[in-house]
């Protein structure tokens, strides 16, 4: 995981880092290949290495899946990304909207809660 931000702050207790002024988080697979890029207004990195991203969150996979939401949390223990916020997921040929989702960090397997959407079905 690689981070870039405009500014970084530590909480007084030192248990989390806060990043703001635009952040970019890059995820890699076990071979070091880029899988997903996340941009947001700000982020929090917790002591357990979980990452919360907030404000205009956009996740883009190397396969061009794009997820847009206001909030997401990556959990270090299982490398999953989750949110309970409104979400839009687009891939070539489909757009799915919902409230809440979970996905692996490569955005290849995802589940949307309270979903609706449009898809092109080839016969």
C-alpha atoms as a PDB file:
ATOM      1  CA  UNK A   1       0.000   0.000   0.000  1.00  0.00           C
ATOM      2  CA  UNK A   2       1.367   3.409  -1.007  1.00  0.00           C
ATOM      3  CA  UNK A   3       0.035   6.747   0.329  1.00  0.00           C
ATOM      4  CA  UNK A   4       0.294  10.311  -0.952  1.00  0.00           C
ATOM      5  CA  UNK A   5      -1.294  13.334   0.697  1.00  0.00           C
ATOM      6  CA  UNK A   6      -0.989  17.083   1.026  1.00  0.00           C
ATOM      7  CA  UNK A   7      -0.629  16.967   4.827  1.00  0.00           C
ATOM      8  CA  UNK A   8      -0.362  14.428   7.650  1.00  0.00           C
ATOM      9  CA  UNK A   9      -1.287  14.737  11.329  1.00  0.00           C
ATOM     10  CA  UNK A  10      -1.085  12.331  14.266  1.00  0.00           C
ATOM     11  CA  UNK A  11      -3.714  12.232  16.988  1.00  0.00           C
ATOM     12  CA  UNK A  12      -2.578  13.201  20.484  1.00  0.00           C
ATOM     13  CA  UNK A  13      -2.760   9.561  21.562  1.00  0.00           C
ATOM     14  CA  UNK A  14      -0.714   8.587  18.501  1.00  0.00           C
ATOM     15  CA  UNK A  15      -3.167   5.832  17.585  1.00  0.00           C
ATOM     16  CA  UNK A  16      -4.097   7.149  14.147  1.00  0.00           C
ATOM     17  CA  UNK A  17      -2.705   9.296  11.348  1.00  0.00           C
ATOM     18  CA  UNK A  18      -4.947  11.774   9.577  1.00  0.00           C
ATOM     19  CA  UNK A  19      -4.192  12.739   5.990  1.00  0.00           C
ATOM     20  CA  UNK A  20      -5.840  15.571   4.109  1.00  0.00           C
ATOM     21  CA  UNK A  21      -5.541  18.077   1.251  1.00  0.00           C
ATOM     22  CA  UNK A  22      -6.228  15.330  -1.256  1.00  0.00           C
ATOM     23  CA  UNK A  23      -5.017  11.794  -0.796  1.00  0.00           C
ATOM     24  CA  UNK A  24      -4.137   8.910  -3.066  1.00  0.00           C
ATOM     25  CA  UNK A  25      -3.853   5.306  -1.898  1.00  0.00           C
ATOM     26  CA  UNK A  26      -2.440   2.686  -4.253  1.00  0.00           C
ATOM     27  CA  UNK A  27      -2.946  -1.044  -3.669  1.00  0.00           C
ATOM     28  CA  UNK A  28      -0.719  -3.761  -5.125  1.00  0.00           C
ATOM     29  CA  UNK A  29      -1.119  -7.528  -5.423  1.00  0.00           C
ATOM     30  CA  UNK A  30       1.318 -10.053  -3.938  1.00  0.00           C
ATOM     31  CA  UNK A  31       3.571  -9.757  -7.016  1.00  0.00           C
ATOM     32  CA  UNK A  32       3.798  -5.966  -6.734  1.00  0.00           C
ATOM     33  CA  UNK A  33       1.431  -5.192  -9.624  1.00  0.00           C
ATOM     34  CA  UNK A  34      -0.859  -2.199  -9.170  1.00  0.00           C
ATOM     35  CA  UNK A  35      -4.463  -3.347  -8.681  1.00  0.00           C
ATOM     36  CA  UNK A  36      -6.440  -0.342  -7.447  1.00  0.00           C
ATOM     37  CA  UNK A  37      -6.038   3.393  -6.932  1.00  0.00           C
ATOM     38  CA  UNK A  38      -8.163   5.288  -4.408  1.00  0.00           C
ATOM     39  CA  UNK A  39      -8.477   9.076  -4.290  1.00  0.00           C
ATOM     40  CA  UNK A  40     -10.329  11.076  -1.634  1.00  0.00           C
ATOM     41  CA  UNK A  41     -10.330  14.391   0.188  1.00  0.00           C
ATOM     42  CA  UNK A  42      -8.938  12.914   3.407  1.00  0.00           C
ATOM     43  CA  UNK A  43      -8.063   9.655   5.137  1.00  0.00           C
ATOM     44  CA  UNK A  44      -7.406   8.115   8.535  1.00  0.00           C
ATOM     45  CA  UNK A  45      -4.896   5.337   9.100  1.00  0.00           C
ATOM     46  CA  UNK A  46      -5.630   3.439  12.294  1.00  0.00           C
ATOM     47  CA  UNK A  47      -3.165   1.707  14.592  1.00  0.00           C
ATOM     48  CA  UNK A  48      -4.316  -1.701  13.263  1.00  0.00           C
ATOM     49  CA  UNK A  49      -3.470  -0.445   9.708  1.00  0.00           C
ATOM     50  CA  UNK A  50      -7.137  -0.103   8.655  1.00  0.00           C
ATOM     51  CA  UNK A  51      -7.663   2.862   6.323  1.00  0.00           C
ATOM     52  CA  UNK A  52     -10.744   5.089   6.165  1.00  0.00           C
ATOM     53  CA  UNK A  53     -11.152   7.422   3.169  1.00  0.00           C
ATOM     54  CA  UNK A  54     -13.652  10.281   3.227  1.00  0.00           C
ATOM     55  CA  UNK A  55     -15.022  12.855   0.799  1.00  0.00           C
ATOM     56  CA  UNK A  56     -15.388  12.343  -2.961  1.00  0.00           C
ATOM     57  CA  UNK A  57     -13.976   8.805  -2.762  1.00  0.00           C
ATOM     58  CA  UNK A  58     -13.142   7.260  -6.148  1.00  0.00           C
ATOM     59  CA  UNK A  59     -11.730   3.734  -6.479  1.00  0.00           C
ATOM     60  CA  UNK A  60     -10.408   2.647  -9.894  1.00  0.00           C
ATOM     61  CA  UNK A  61      -9.213  -0.885 -10.670  1.00  0.00           C
ATOM     62  CA  UNK A  62      -6.734  -1.921 -13.344  1.00  0.00           C
ATOM     63  CA  UNK A  63      -9.731  -3.519 -15.137  1.00  0.00           C
ATOM     64  CA  UNK A  64     -11.549  -0.125 -15.273  1.00  0.00           C
ATOM     65  CA  UNK A  65     -14.123  -0.791 -12.576  1.00  0.00           C
ATOM     66  CA  UNK A  66     -14.920   2.576 -10.967  1.00  0.00           C
ATOM     67  CA  UNK A  67     -16.567   2.915  -7.556  1.00  0.00           C
ATOM     68  CA  UNK A  68     -17.731   6.327  -6.332  1.00  0.00           C
ATOM     69  CA  UNK A  69     -18.890   7.009  -2.774  1.00  0.00           C
ATOM     70  CA  UNK A  70     -18.421   9.467   0.103  1.00  0.00           C
ATOM     71  CA  UNK A  71     -16.802   7.010   2.511  1.00  0.00           C
ATOM     72  CA  UNK A  72     -15.015   3.649   2.452  1.00  0.00           C
ATOM     73  CA  UNK A  73     -12.923   1.585   4.865  1.00  0.00           C
ATOM     74  CA  UNK A  74     -10.198  -0.907   3.939  1.00  0.00           C
ATOM     75  CA  UNK A  75      -9.605  -3.511   6.629  1.00  0.00           C
ATOM     76  CA  UNK A  76      -6.059  -4.796   6.844  1.00  0.00           C
ATOM     77  CA  UNK A  77      -7.062  -8.148   8.341  1.00  0.00           C
ATOM     78  CA  UNK A  78      -8.932  -9.315   5.215  1.00  0.00           C
ATOM     79  CA  UNK A  79      -7.962  -6.726   2.531  1.00  0.00           C
ATOM     80  CA  UNK A  80     -11.636  -5.885   1.943  1.00  0.00           C
ATOM     81  CA  UNK A  81     -13.140  -2.458   1.239  1.00  0.00           C
ATOM     82  CA  UNK A  82     -16.563  -1.669   2.722  1.00  0.00           C
ATOM     83  CA  UNK A  83     -19.004   1.209   3.032  1.00  0.00           C
ATOM     84  CA  UNK A  84     -22.554   1.855   4.179  1.00  0.00           C
ATOM     85  CA  UNK A  85     -22.794   5.070   2.139  1.00  0.00           C
ATOM     86  CA  UNK A  86     -24.501   5.604  -1.230  1.00  0.00           C
ATOM     87  CA  UNK A  87     -22.380   4.092  -4.002  1.00  0.00           C
ATOM     88  CA  UNK A  88     -22.145   3.971  -7.791  1.00  0.00           C
ATOM     89  CA  UNK A  89     -20.196   1.156  -9.449  1.00  0.00           C
ATOM     90  CA  UNK A  90     -19.517   1.316 -13.172  1.00  0.00           C
ATOM     91  CA  UNK A  91     -17.859  -1.134 -15.523  1.00  0.00           C
ATOM     92  CA  UNK A  92     -18.020  -1.308 -19.290  1.00  0.00           C
ATOM     93  CA  UNK A  93     -21.684  -2.013 -20.082  1.00  0.00           C
ATOM     94  CA  UNK A  94     -23.154  -1.551 -16.614  1.00  0.00           C
ATOM     95  CA  UNK A  95     -23.811   0.978 -13.888  1.00  0.00           C
ATOM     96  CA  UNK A  96     -25.055  -0.165 -10.492  1.00  0.00           C
ATOM     97  CA  UNK A  97     -26.170   2.142  -7.693  1.00  0.00           C
ATOM     98  CA  UNK A  98     -26.891   1.263  -4.112  1.00  0.00           C
ATOM     99  CA  UNK A  99     -26.428   2.033  -0.489  1.00  0.00           C
ATOM    100  CA  UNK A 100     -23.469   0.150   0.919  1.00  0.00           C
ATOM    101  CA  UNK A 101     -21.015  -2.291  -0.650  1.00  0.00           C
ATOM    102  CA  UNK A 102     -18.087  -4.576   0.013  1.00  0.00           C
ATOM    103  CA  UNK A 103     -15.353  -5.629  -2.380  1.00  0.00           C
ATOM    104  CA  UNK A 104     -11.915  -7.177  -2.474  1.00  0.00           C
ATOM    105  CA  UNK A 105      -9.157  -4.584  -2.886  1.00  0.00           C
ATOM    106  CA  UNK A 106      -8.735  -5.413  -6.601  1.00  0.00           C
ATOM    107  CA  UNK A 107     -12.467  -4.619  -7.153  1.00  0.00           C
ATOM    108  CA  UNK A 108     -13.007  -7.956  -8.921  1.00  0.00           C
ATOM    109  CA  UNK A 109     -15.629  -9.379  -6.552  1.00  0.00           C
ATOM    110  CA  UNK A 110     -18.141  -7.009  -5.042  1.00  0.00           C
ATOM    111  CA  UNK A 111     -21.517  -7.010  -3.372  1.00  0.00           C
ATOM    112  CA  UNK A 112     -23.907  -4.047  -3.335  1.00  0.00           C
ATOM    113  CA  UNK A 113     -26.619  -3.530  -0.751  1.00  0.00           C
ATOM    114  CA  UNK A 114     -29.969  -1.924  -1.630  1.00  0.00           C
ATOM    115  CA  UNK A 115     -28.941  -1.898  -5.293  1.00  0.00           C
ATOM    116  CA  UNK A 116     -30.450  -0.784  -8.579  1.00  0.00           C
ATOM    117  CA  UNK A 117     -28.888  -0.293 -11.974  1.00  0.00           C
ATOM    118  CA  UNK A 118     -28.625  -0.627 -15.713  1.00  0.00           C
ATOM    119  CA  UNK A 119     -26.785  -3.207 -17.781  1.00  0.00           C
ATOM    120  CA  UNK A 120     -26.399  -4.088 -21.438  1.00  0.00           C
ATOM    121  CA  UNK A 121     -27.358  -7.707 -22.073  1.00  0.00           C
ATOM    122  CA  UNK A 122     -26.004  -9.277 -25.253  1.00  0.00           C
ATOM    123  CA  UNK A 123     -28.160 -12.042 -26.722  1.00  0.00           C
END
